N, C-alpha and C. Protein backbone atom coordinates (compact mmCIF):
# COMPACT_ATOMS: atom_id res chain seq x y z
N MET A 1 40.75 3.59 -1.28
CA MET A 1 39.33 3.61 -1.62
C MET A 1 38.60 4.52 -0.63
N GLU A 2 37.64 5.24 -1.13
CA GLU A 2 36.83 6.12 -0.29
C GLU A 2 35.60 5.36 0.19
N PHE A 3 35.27 5.50 1.46
CA PHE A 3 34.15 4.78 2.05
C PHE A 3 33.05 5.74 2.49
N GLY A 4 32.78 6.77 1.68
CA GLY A 4 31.84 7.79 2.10
C GLY A 4 30.38 7.45 1.87
N THR A 5 30.02 7.14 0.64
CA THR A 5 28.61 6.96 0.29
C THR A 5 28.45 5.78 -0.65
N ILE A 6 27.44 4.97 -0.40
CA ILE A 6 27.05 3.90 -1.32
C ILE A 6 25.92 4.48 -2.18
N GLU A 7 26.03 4.33 -3.48
CA GLU A 7 25.01 4.85 -4.39
C GLU A 7 24.56 3.75 -5.35
N ARG A 8 23.27 3.64 -5.53
CA ARG A 8 22.70 2.69 -6.49
C ARG A 8 21.56 3.37 -7.22
N GLU A 9 21.35 2.98 -8.46
CA GLU A 9 20.25 3.52 -9.26
C GLU A 9 19.62 2.36 -10.03
N ILE A 10 18.31 2.21 -9.90
CA ILE A 10 17.63 1.12 -10.60
C ILE A 10 16.30 1.61 -11.16
N HIS A 11 15.93 1.01 -12.29
CA HIS A 11 14.61 1.28 -12.88
C HIS A 11 13.66 0.20 -12.40
N ILE A 12 12.44 0.63 -12.05
CA ILE A 12 11.42 -0.29 -11.56
C ILE A 12 10.17 -0.09 -12.40
N ASP A 13 9.60 -1.19 -12.88
CA ASP A 13 8.39 -1.14 -13.71
C ASP A 13 7.14 -1.04 -12.84
N ALA A 14 7.07 0.05 -12.08
CA ALA A 14 5.91 0.35 -11.23
C ALA A 14 5.91 1.85 -11.02
N SER A 15 4.77 2.40 -10.70
CA SER A 15 4.63 3.85 -10.52
C SER A 15 5.40 4.32 -9.28
N PRO A 16 5.77 5.62 -9.25
CA PRO A 16 6.41 6.14 -8.04
C PRO A 16 5.57 5.93 -6.78
N GLU A 17 4.26 5.98 -6.89
CA GLU A 17 3.39 5.77 -5.73
C GLU A 17 3.56 4.35 -5.18
N VAL A 18 3.60 3.37 -6.07
CA VAL A 18 3.78 1.97 -5.65
C VAL A 18 5.18 1.79 -5.06
N VAL A 19 6.19 2.31 -5.74
CA VAL A 19 7.57 2.15 -5.25
C VAL A 19 7.73 2.83 -3.89
N PHE A 20 7.12 4.00 -3.72
CA PHE A 20 7.19 4.67 -2.42
C PHE A 20 6.63 3.76 -1.32
N ASP A 21 5.47 3.17 -1.57
CA ASP A 21 4.89 2.25 -0.59
C ASP A 21 5.82 1.08 -0.29
N VAL A 22 6.45 0.56 -1.33
CA VAL A 22 7.31 -0.62 -1.17
C VAL A 22 8.59 -0.31 -0.38
N VAL A 23 9.09 0.93 -0.48
CA VAL A 23 10.31 1.28 0.27
C VAL A 23 10.02 1.92 1.62
N SER A 24 8.74 2.25 1.90
CA SER A 24 8.45 2.98 3.13
C SER A 24 7.55 2.26 4.13
N SER A 25 6.84 1.24 3.72
CA SER A 25 5.91 0.60 4.67
C SER A 25 6.50 -0.71 5.19
N PRO A 26 6.40 -0.93 6.50
CA PRO A 26 6.99 -2.15 7.09
C PRO A 26 6.51 -3.43 6.42
N GLU A 27 5.20 -3.52 6.11
CA GLU A 27 4.70 -4.77 5.52
C GLU A 27 5.33 -5.06 4.16
N HIS A 28 5.63 -4.02 3.37
CA HIS A 28 6.29 -4.23 2.09
C HIS A 28 7.79 -4.44 2.26
N LEU A 29 8.40 -3.69 3.17
CA LEU A 29 9.84 -3.84 3.38
C LEU A 29 10.20 -5.28 3.70
N ARG A 30 9.37 -5.94 4.51
CA ARG A 30 9.64 -7.33 4.91
C ARG A 30 9.72 -8.28 3.72
N GLU A 31 9.15 -7.89 2.61
CA GLU A 31 9.12 -8.77 1.43
C GLU A 31 10.40 -8.72 0.60
N TRP A 32 11.20 -7.68 0.79
CA TRP A 32 12.42 -7.60 -0.03
C TRP A 32 13.68 -7.26 0.76
N TRP A 33 13.54 -6.79 2.01
CA TRP A 33 14.75 -6.41 2.74
C TRP A 33 14.83 -7.10 4.09
N PRO A 34 14.36 -6.51 5.20
CA PRO A 34 14.53 -7.20 6.48
C PRO A 34 13.47 -8.28 6.66
N ASP A 35 13.71 -9.15 7.60
CA ASP A 35 12.73 -10.19 7.92
C ASP A 35 11.60 -9.64 8.78
N GLU A 36 11.89 -8.61 9.56
CA GLU A 36 10.90 -7.96 10.41
C GLU A 36 11.06 -6.45 10.27
N ALA A 37 9.98 -5.73 10.44
CA ALA A 37 10.03 -4.26 10.41
C ALA A 37 8.90 -3.72 11.26
N GLU A 38 9.26 -2.85 12.19
CA GLU A 38 8.28 -2.24 13.09
C GLU A 38 8.62 -0.77 13.23
N PHE A 39 7.88 0.10 12.53
CA PHE A 39 8.09 1.54 12.65
C PHE A 39 6.92 2.27 12.01
N PRO A 40 6.59 3.46 12.51
CA PRO A 40 5.60 4.28 11.83
C PRO A 40 6.29 5.02 10.68
N ALA A 41 5.72 4.98 9.49
CA ALA A 41 6.35 5.55 8.29
C ALA A 41 6.07 7.05 8.17
N VAL A 42 6.40 7.77 9.24
CA VAL A 42 6.21 9.22 9.27
C VAL A 42 7.50 9.85 9.79
N PRO A 43 7.82 11.08 9.39
CA PRO A 43 9.03 11.72 9.89
C PRO A 43 9.07 11.67 11.43
N GLY A 44 10.19 11.25 11.95
CA GLY A 44 10.37 11.10 13.38
C GLY A 44 9.95 9.74 13.91
N GLY A 45 9.32 8.93 13.05
CA GLY A 45 8.87 7.60 13.47
C GLY A 45 10.05 6.71 13.81
N ALA A 46 10.07 6.19 15.00
CA ALA A 46 11.18 5.34 15.44
C ALA A 46 10.70 3.91 15.64
N GLY A 47 11.57 2.98 15.34
CA GLY A 47 11.25 1.57 15.49
C GLY A 47 12.49 0.74 15.28
N ARG A 48 12.28 -0.42 14.65
CA ARG A 48 13.41 -1.31 14.42
C ARG A 48 13.09 -2.24 13.26
N ILE A 49 14.17 -2.78 12.70
CA ILE A 49 14.04 -3.81 11.67
C ILE A 49 14.87 -5.00 12.12
N GLY A 50 14.45 -6.19 11.71
CA GLY A 50 15.13 -7.40 12.15
C GLY A 50 15.62 -8.24 11.00
N PHE A 51 16.80 -8.80 11.16
CA PHE A 51 17.38 -9.69 10.16
C PHE A 51 17.53 -11.07 10.78
N GLY A 52 17.00 -12.08 10.12
CA GLY A 52 17.01 -13.43 10.67
C GLY A 52 15.86 -13.58 11.65
N ASP A 53 15.74 -14.76 12.21
CA ASP A 53 14.70 -15.02 13.21
C ASP A 53 15.16 -14.43 14.54
N CYS A 54 14.57 -13.30 14.90
CA CYS A 54 15.03 -12.57 16.09
C CYS A 54 14.77 -13.32 17.39
N SER A 55 13.91 -14.34 17.36
CA SER A 55 13.71 -15.15 18.56
C SER A 55 14.77 -16.27 18.65
N GLN A 56 15.53 -16.42 17.57
CA GLN A 56 16.54 -17.48 17.51
C GLN A 56 17.93 -16.91 17.20
N GLY A 57 18.22 -15.74 17.72
CA GLY A 57 19.56 -15.18 17.53
C GLY A 57 19.69 -14.20 16.38
N GLY A 58 18.57 -13.86 15.71
CA GLY A 58 18.61 -12.84 14.67
C GLY A 58 18.97 -11.49 15.29
N THR A 59 19.08 -10.47 14.46
CA THR A 59 19.54 -9.17 14.92
C THR A 59 18.49 -8.09 14.69
N TRP A 60 18.15 -7.37 15.75
CA TRP A 60 17.32 -6.17 15.63
C TRP A 60 18.23 -4.98 15.42
N VAL A 61 17.84 -4.07 14.53
CA VAL A 61 18.60 -2.86 14.26
C VAL A 61 17.67 -1.67 14.42
N GLN A 62 18.14 -0.64 15.12
CA GLN A 62 17.32 0.56 15.33
C GLN A 62 17.10 1.28 14.00
N PHE A 63 15.94 1.94 13.88
CA PHE A 63 15.49 2.51 12.61
C PHE A 63 14.66 3.76 12.94
N ALA A 64 14.95 4.89 12.29
CA ALA A 64 14.18 6.11 12.52
C ALA A 64 13.93 6.83 11.20
N VAL A 65 12.67 7.11 10.91
CA VAL A 65 12.30 7.79 9.67
C VAL A 65 12.73 9.27 9.76
N VAL A 66 13.41 9.75 8.73
CA VAL A 66 13.82 11.15 8.65
C VAL A 66 12.80 11.93 7.83
N ASP A 67 12.56 11.50 6.59
CA ASP A 67 11.61 12.16 5.69
C ASP A 67 10.72 11.14 5.02
N ALA A 68 9.48 11.53 4.80
CA ALA A 68 8.54 10.72 4.03
C ALA A 68 7.71 11.70 3.21
N VAL A 69 8.05 11.81 1.93
CA VAL A 69 7.39 12.75 1.02
C VAL A 69 6.86 11.95 -0.17
N PRO A 70 5.65 11.36 -0.03
CA PRO A 70 5.12 10.54 -1.11
C PRO A 70 4.86 11.39 -2.36
N PRO A 71 5.10 10.88 -3.53
CA PRO A 71 5.78 9.62 -3.86
C PRO A 71 7.22 9.84 -4.27
N ARG A 72 7.89 10.84 -3.70
CA ARG A 72 9.21 11.25 -4.19
C ARG A 72 10.41 10.87 -3.33
N LEU A 73 10.23 10.80 -2.00
CA LEU A 73 11.39 10.68 -1.14
C LEU A 73 11.04 9.93 0.14
N PHE A 74 11.90 8.99 0.50
CA PHE A 74 11.80 8.34 1.81
C PHE A 74 13.22 8.18 2.33
N SER A 75 13.47 8.65 3.54
CA SER A 75 14.81 8.50 4.11
C SER A 75 14.70 8.10 5.57
N PHE A 76 15.74 7.43 6.02
CA PHE A 76 15.78 6.96 7.40
C PHE A 76 17.22 6.86 7.88
N ARG A 77 17.37 6.88 9.19
CA ARG A 77 18.65 6.62 9.84
C ARG A 77 18.53 5.27 10.52
N TRP A 78 19.64 4.55 10.54
CA TRP A 78 19.63 3.25 11.20
C TRP A 78 21.01 2.90 11.73
N THR A 79 21.07 1.85 12.50
CA THR A 79 22.28 1.28 13.11
C THR A 79 22.74 2.02 14.36
N HIS A 80 21.95 2.96 14.88
CA HIS A 80 22.33 3.64 16.11
C HIS A 80 22.02 2.73 17.31
N ALA A 81 22.65 3.04 18.43
CA ALA A 81 22.42 2.25 19.65
C ALA A 81 20.99 2.43 20.13
N GLU A 82 20.45 1.39 20.73
CA GLU A 82 19.05 1.39 21.15
C GLU A 82 18.72 2.54 22.10
N GLU A 83 19.64 2.90 22.95
CA GLU A 83 19.36 3.95 23.93
C GLU A 83 19.58 5.36 23.37
N GLU A 84 19.97 5.48 22.11
CA GLU A 84 20.25 6.78 21.51
C GLU A 84 19.20 7.15 20.47
N SER A 85 18.97 8.45 20.31
CA SER A 85 18.14 8.94 19.20
C SER A 85 19.04 9.03 17.97
N ALA A 86 18.49 8.66 16.83
CA ALA A 86 19.28 8.68 15.59
C ALA A 86 19.70 10.11 15.27
N ALA A 87 20.97 10.28 14.92
CA ALA A 87 21.51 11.59 14.58
C ALA A 87 22.77 11.40 13.74
N PRO A 88 23.19 12.45 13.02
CA PRO A 88 24.48 12.35 12.35
C PRO A 88 25.56 12.02 13.38
N GLY A 89 26.43 11.12 13.03
CA GLY A 89 27.51 10.74 13.94
C GLY A 89 27.25 9.44 14.68
N ASN A 90 25.97 9.03 14.83
CA ASN A 90 25.71 7.77 15.53
C ASN A 90 24.89 6.79 14.69
N SER A 91 24.63 7.16 13.44
CA SER A 91 23.80 6.30 12.59
C SER A 91 24.15 6.54 11.12
N LEU A 92 23.65 5.65 10.29
CA LEU A 92 23.82 5.78 8.84
C LEU A 92 22.52 6.33 8.26
N LEU A 93 22.62 7.14 7.21
CA LEU A 93 21.46 7.74 6.55
C LEU A 93 21.24 7.07 5.21
N VAL A 94 20.03 6.55 5.00
CA VAL A 94 19.65 5.96 3.71
C VAL A 94 18.56 6.85 3.11
N VAL A 95 18.74 7.20 1.84
CA VAL A 95 17.77 8.04 1.14
C VAL A 95 17.34 7.31 -0.13
N PHE A 96 16.02 7.18 -0.30
CA PHE A 96 15.44 6.68 -1.54
C PHE A 96 14.79 7.87 -2.23
N GLU A 97 15.30 8.23 -3.41
CA GLU A 97 14.71 9.29 -4.23
C GLU A 97 14.03 8.61 -5.41
N LEU A 98 12.79 9.00 -5.68
CA LEU A 98 12.01 8.37 -6.74
C LEU A 98 11.59 9.43 -7.76
N GLU A 99 11.71 9.07 -9.03
CA GLU A 99 11.20 9.96 -10.07
C GLU A 99 10.60 9.15 -11.19
N PRO A 100 9.52 9.70 -11.81
CA PRO A 100 8.90 8.98 -12.93
C PRO A 100 9.94 8.75 -14.02
N ASP A 101 9.87 7.57 -14.64
CA ASP A 101 10.80 7.20 -15.69
C ASP A 101 10.03 6.36 -16.70
N GLY A 102 9.51 7.01 -17.74
CA GLY A 102 8.65 6.31 -18.69
C GLY A 102 7.41 5.84 -17.96
N SER A 103 7.10 4.55 -18.08
CA SER A 103 5.93 4.01 -17.38
C SER A 103 6.29 3.47 -16.00
N GLY A 104 7.53 3.70 -15.59
CA GLY A 104 7.98 3.19 -14.30
C GLY A 104 8.59 4.28 -13.43
N THR A 105 9.57 3.87 -12.63
CA THR A 105 10.20 4.75 -11.66
C THR A 105 11.71 4.54 -11.66
N LEU A 106 12.43 5.64 -11.59
CA LEU A 106 13.88 5.57 -11.36
C LEU A 106 14.09 5.76 -9.87
N LEU A 107 14.71 4.77 -9.23
CA LEU A 107 15.00 4.84 -7.80
C LEU A 107 16.49 5.08 -7.63
N ARG A 108 16.81 6.13 -6.87
CA ARG A 108 18.20 6.39 -6.50
C ARG A 108 18.31 6.16 -5.00
N MET A 109 19.21 5.28 -4.62
CA MET A 109 19.44 4.99 -3.20
C MET A 109 20.85 5.43 -2.86
N THR A 110 20.96 6.15 -1.74
CA THR A 110 22.27 6.48 -1.21
C THR A 110 22.29 6.12 0.27
N GLU A 111 23.44 5.66 0.72
CA GLU A 111 23.65 5.42 2.14
C GLU A 111 24.95 6.12 2.51
N SER A 112 24.90 6.94 3.54
CA SER A 112 26.07 7.72 3.94
C SER A 112 26.19 7.75 5.46
N GLY A 113 27.32 8.28 5.92
CA GLY A 113 27.55 8.43 7.35
C GLY A 113 28.59 7.48 7.92
N PHE A 114 29.25 6.71 7.08
CA PHE A 114 30.24 5.73 7.57
C PHE A 114 31.40 6.44 8.28
N ARG A 115 31.96 7.45 7.64
CA ARG A 115 33.11 8.16 8.22
C ARG A 115 32.71 8.96 9.46
N GLU A 116 31.48 9.42 9.52
CA GLU A 116 31.03 10.25 10.63
C GLU A 116 30.82 9.48 11.93
N ARG A 117 30.86 8.16 11.86
CA ARG A 117 30.61 7.33 13.05
C ARG A 117 31.77 7.36 14.05
N GLY A 118 32.93 7.83 13.63
CA GLY A 118 34.07 7.86 14.54
C GLY A 118 34.82 6.54 14.62
N TRP A 119 34.53 5.64 13.69
CA TRP A 119 35.19 4.34 13.66
C TRP A 119 36.61 4.49 13.14
N ASP A 120 37.48 3.54 13.52
CA ASP A 120 38.82 3.53 12.92
C ASP A 120 38.70 3.06 11.47
N GLU A 121 39.79 3.22 10.74
CA GLU A 121 39.77 2.94 9.29
C GLU A 121 39.34 1.50 8.97
N ALA A 122 39.82 0.55 9.76
CA ALA A 122 39.46 -0.86 9.52
C ALA A 122 37.97 -1.08 9.72
N LYS A 123 37.39 -0.49 10.74
CA LYS A 123 35.95 -0.64 11.02
C LYS A 123 35.13 0.04 9.92
N VAL A 124 35.54 1.24 9.49
CA VAL A 124 34.84 1.94 8.39
C VAL A 124 34.84 1.05 7.15
N ALA A 125 36.01 0.52 6.80
CA ALA A 125 36.13 -0.33 5.60
C ALA A 125 35.27 -1.57 5.72
N ALA A 126 35.26 -2.20 6.89
CA ALA A 126 34.49 -3.43 7.08
C ALA A 126 32.98 -3.15 7.02
N GLU A 127 32.53 -2.11 7.69
CA GLU A 127 31.10 -1.77 7.68
C GLU A 127 30.65 -1.37 6.27
N TYR A 128 31.45 -0.55 5.61
CA TYR A 128 31.14 -0.14 4.24
C TYR A 128 31.01 -1.37 3.34
N ALA A 129 31.98 -2.26 3.40
CA ALA A 129 31.96 -3.47 2.57
C ALA A 129 30.74 -4.33 2.88
N ALA A 130 30.40 -4.46 4.17
CA ALA A 130 29.23 -5.27 4.55
C ALA A 130 27.94 -4.65 4.00
N HIS A 131 27.84 -3.34 4.02
CA HIS A 131 26.63 -2.68 3.51
C HIS A 131 26.57 -2.74 1.99
N VAL A 132 27.72 -2.61 1.30
CA VAL A 132 27.74 -2.78 -0.16
C VAL A 132 27.21 -4.17 -0.50
N THR A 133 27.73 -5.18 0.18
CA THR A 133 27.29 -6.56 -0.05
C THR A 133 25.79 -6.70 0.23
N GLY A 134 25.33 -6.12 1.31
CA GLY A 134 23.92 -6.18 1.66
C GLY A 134 23.03 -5.54 0.61
N TRP A 135 23.35 -4.31 0.23
CA TRP A 135 22.52 -3.63 -0.78
C TRP A 135 22.58 -4.36 -2.12
N ASP A 136 23.75 -4.91 -2.46
CA ASP A 136 23.86 -5.66 -3.73
C ASP A 136 23.00 -6.92 -3.70
N PHE A 137 22.72 -7.44 -2.53
CA PHE A 137 21.84 -8.60 -2.40
C PHE A 137 20.37 -8.18 -2.37
N TYR A 138 20.04 -7.19 -1.54
CA TYR A 138 18.63 -6.86 -1.30
C TYR A 138 18.00 -5.98 -2.38
N LEU A 139 18.72 -4.96 -2.86
CA LEU A 139 18.09 -4.05 -3.84
C LEU A 139 17.59 -4.74 -5.10
N PRO A 140 18.29 -5.73 -5.65
CA PRO A 140 17.77 -6.41 -6.84
C PRO A 140 16.44 -7.14 -6.60
N ARG A 141 16.08 -7.36 -5.35
CA ARG A 141 14.80 -8.01 -5.03
C ARG A 141 13.64 -7.01 -5.12
N LEU A 142 13.95 -5.73 -5.02
CA LEU A 142 12.92 -4.69 -4.99
C LEU A 142 12.12 -4.58 -6.29
N PRO A 143 12.74 -4.51 -7.48
CA PRO A 143 11.95 -4.30 -8.71
C PRO A 143 10.89 -5.36 -8.96
N ALA A 144 11.22 -6.63 -8.82
CA ALA A 144 10.23 -7.69 -9.08
C ALA A 144 9.08 -7.60 -8.09
N TYR A 145 9.40 -7.33 -6.82
CA TYR A 145 8.34 -7.24 -5.82
C TYR A 145 7.46 -6.02 -6.09
N ALA A 146 8.06 -4.86 -6.38
CA ALA A 146 7.27 -3.65 -6.66
C ALA A 146 6.40 -3.83 -7.90
N THR A 147 6.93 -4.49 -8.92
CA THR A 147 6.14 -4.74 -10.13
C THR A 147 4.94 -5.62 -9.80
N LYS A 148 5.15 -6.63 -8.95
CA LYS A 148 4.06 -7.49 -8.52
C LYS A 148 2.99 -6.71 -7.74
N VAL A 149 3.45 -5.85 -6.83
CA VAL A 149 2.51 -5.02 -6.06
C VAL A 149 1.74 -4.10 -6.99
N GLY A 150 2.45 -3.49 -7.94
CA GLY A 150 1.82 -2.58 -8.89
C GLY A 150 0.79 -3.25 -9.77
N ALA A 151 0.99 -4.54 -10.03
CA ALA A 151 0.05 -5.31 -10.86
C ALA A 151 -1.12 -5.83 -10.04
N GLY A 152 -1.11 -5.54 -8.74
CA GLY A 152 -2.21 -5.98 -7.87
C GLY A 152 -2.12 -7.41 -7.44
N ALA A 153 -0.93 -8.00 -7.58
CA ALA A 153 -0.76 -9.42 -7.19
C ALA A 153 -0.62 -9.56 -5.69
């Protein structure tokens, strides 16, 4: 099995502008993905996202915005060490591409960089599998939340 890139494509019943906000702003991200998010949503913006209660043993993960092109593209690098700047080879790259699709939005998500981390084969396979499981859990939460935001709820 190849562990290069995770790819997902979903239709969301909300405009690209709404979906862009939902995938790029910390306050919206917290509603469907991490429990905490602290970063400026601008290219070069560095921060972190948290999973679980970070005061009770949850995990903070480093996060750096690569591109923010409303309402078409949002990308970031994550999982790099706290003392390092995100770059190819020390982090994973996630890209959200958005395009109008009828009255909604087609979202294409890719995550890459597993092989570039320098991990041995077992670590690459384990990290890839963990991220597949994670995206399969979190991404399905995005459409309902974005639709709610788009409806002004």
